[in-house]
C-alpha cells in the first residue's frame, strides 16, 4: 500500500542539497519516490508503507538537514 508523506526540510540552499536528500531517501528500499524542493524547504515521499515518517525524518537528518513531518501528512 503506497503512502505519501510530506516533510518540512530546513537547511537546504541549492539543487545539490535537494538532490542529496532525494538520493539518500531513494536508496531506502521502502521509498518508492521522493520529490524534494530546496526552494520550498519541503519534500513529498512515497513509500510502500513499511517505513514510518519518524524513520524518514531520521534519514533526512543524517544528511545534515533538519526535518519535521508536515501537518498535512
C-alpha atoms as a PDB file:
ATOM      1  CA  UNK A   1       0.000   0.000   0.000  1.00  0.00           C
ATOM      2  CA  UNK A   2       1.541   3.274  -1.121  1.00  0.00           C
ATOM      3  CA  UNK A   3       1.712   6.014   1.491  1.00  0.00           C
ATOM      4  CA  UNK A   4       2.500   9.655   0.714  1.00  0.00           C
ATOM      5  CA  UNK A   5       4.239  11.679   3.423  1.00  0.00           C
ATOM      6  CA  UNK A   6       5.065  15.390   3.463  1.00  0.00           C
ATOM      7  CA  UNK A   7       8.013  16.933   5.268  1.00  0.00           C
ATOM      8  CA  UNK A   8       9.362  20.350   6.146  1.00  0.00           C
ATOM      9  CA  UNK A   9      13.118  20.276   5.491  1.00  0.00           C
ATOM     10  CA  UNK A  10      15.296  23.178   6.612  1.00  0.00           C
ATOM     11  CA  UNK A  11      18.884  23.992   5.736  1.00  0.00           C
ATOM     12  CA  UNK A  12      18.895  23.227   2.012  1.00  0.00           C
ATOM     13  CA  UNK A  13      20.292  26.094  -0.053  1.00  0.00           C
ATOM     14  CA  UNK A  14      20.625  24.717  -3.589  1.00  0.00           C
ATOM     15  CA  UNK A  15      19.707  21.992  -6.031  1.00  0.00           C
ATOM     16  CA  UNK A  16      22.673  19.967  -4.842  1.00  0.00           C
ATOM     17  CA  UNK A  17      21.221  19.911  -1.346  1.00  0.00           C
ATOM     18  CA  UNK A  18      17.804  18.734  -2.504  1.00  0.00           C
ATOM     19  CA  UNK A  19      19.441  16.208  -4.836  1.00  0.00           C
ATOM     20  CA  UNK A  20      21.442  14.781  -1.956  1.00  0.00           C
ATOM     21  CA  UNK A  21      18.327  14.361   0.218  1.00  0.00           C
ATOM     22  CA  UNK A  22      16.412  12.794  -2.682  1.00  0.00           C
ATOM     23  CA  UNK A  23      19.245  10.378  -3.421  1.00  0.00           C
ATOM     24  CA  UNK A  24      19.632   9.239   0.185  1.00  0.00           C
ATOM     25  CA  UNK A  25      15.885   8.725   0.595  1.00  0.00           C
ATOM     26  CA  UNK A  26      15.566   6.760  -2.644  1.00  0.00           C
ATOM     27  CA  UNK A  27      18.368   4.405  -1.563  1.00  0.00           C
ATOM     28  CA  UNK A  28      15.924   3.050   1.017  1.00  0.00           C
ATOM     29  CA  UNK A  29      14.080   0.023  -0.375  1.00  0.00           C
ATOM     30  CA  UNK A  30      10.855   1.182   1.301  1.00  0.00           C
ATOM     31  CA  UNK A  31      10.857   4.524  -0.557  1.00  0.00           C
ATOM     32  CA  UNK A  32       9.213   4.469  -3.978  1.00  0.00           C
ATOM     33  CA  UNK A  33       9.987   8.094  -4.860  1.00  0.00           C
ATOM     34  CA  UNK A  34      10.994  11.406  -3.321  1.00  0.00           C
ATOM     35  CA  UNK A  35      10.371  14.925  -4.606  1.00  0.00           C
ATOM     36  CA  UNK A  36      12.496  17.422  -2.698  1.00  0.00           C
ATOM     37  CA  UNK A  37      12.418  21.213  -3.123  1.00  0.00           C
ATOM     38  CA  UNK A  38      15.075  23.455  -1.618  1.00  0.00           C
ATOM     39  CA  UNK A  39      13.047  26.488  -2.771  1.00  0.00           C
ATOM     40  CA  UNK A  40      10.022  25.416  -0.709  1.00  0.00           C
ATOM     41  CA  UNK A  41      12.017  23.661   2.047  1.00  0.00           C
ATOM     42  CA  UNK A  42       9.813  20.625   1.599  1.00  0.00           C
ATOM     43  CA  UNK A  43       9.645  17.059   0.487  1.00  0.00           C
ATOM     44  CA  UNK A  44       6.984  14.617  -0.647  1.00  0.00           C
ATOM     45  CA  UNK A  45       7.947  10.991  -0.184  1.00  0.00           C
ATOM     46  CA  UNK A  46       6.010   7.980  -1.449  1.00  0.00           C
ATOM     47  CA  UNK A  47       6.674   4.769   0.440  1.00  0.00           C
ATOM     48  CA  UNK A  48       5.479   1.182   0.375  1.00  0.00           C
ATOM     49  CA  UNK A  49       4.045   1.677   3.871  1.00  0.00           C
ATOM     50  CA  UNK A  50       6.847  -0.292   5.522  1.00  0.00           C
ATOM     51  CA  UNK A  51       8.703   2.735   6.936  1.00  0.00           C
ATOM     52  CA  UNK A  52       7.402   5.364   9.331  1.00  0.00           C
ATOM     53  CA  UNK A  53       7.526   9.121   8.902  1.00  0.00           C
ATOM     54  CA  UNK A  54       9.695   9.307  12.024  1.00  0.00           C
ATOM     55  CA  UNK A  55      12.228   6.928  10.457  1.00  0.00           C
ATOM     56  CA  UNK A  56      12.331   9.093   7.328  1.00  0.00           C
ATOM     57  CA  UNK A  57      12.933  12.203   9.461  1.00  0.00           C
ATOM     58  CA  UNK A  58      15.985  10.441  10.913  1.00  0.00           C
ATOM     59  CA  UNK A  59      17.235   9.591   7.403  1.00  0.00           C
ATOM     60  CA  UNK A  60      16.892  13.232   6.329  1.00  0.00           C
ATOM     61  CA  UNK A  61      18.580  14.492   9.491  1.00  0.00           C
ATOM     62  CA  UNK A  62      21.505  12.127   8.876  1.00  0.00           C
ATOM     63  CA  UNK A  63      22.152  14.031   5.631  1.00  0.00           C
ATOM     64  CA  UNK A  64      22.708  17.199   7.698  1.00  0.00           C
ATOM     65  CA  UNK A  65      19.340  18.948   7.418  1.00  0.00           C
ATOM     66  CA  UNK A  66      16.572  19.413   9.949  1.00  0.00           C
ATOM     67  CA  UNK A  67      13.251  17.794   9.140  1.00  0.00           C
ATOM     68  CA  UNK A  68       9.752  17.541  10.533  1.00  0.00           C
ATOM     69  CA  UNK A  69       6.567  15.883   9.425  1.00  0.00           C
ATOM     70  CA  UNK A  70       4.258  18.421   7.788  1.00  0.00           C
ATOM     71  CA  UNK A  71       0.850  18.785   9.457  1.00  0.00           C
ATOM     72  CA  UNK A  72      -0.896  17.827   6.221  1.00  0.00           C
ATOM     73  CA  UNK A  73       0.600  14.303   6.313  1.00  0.00           C
END
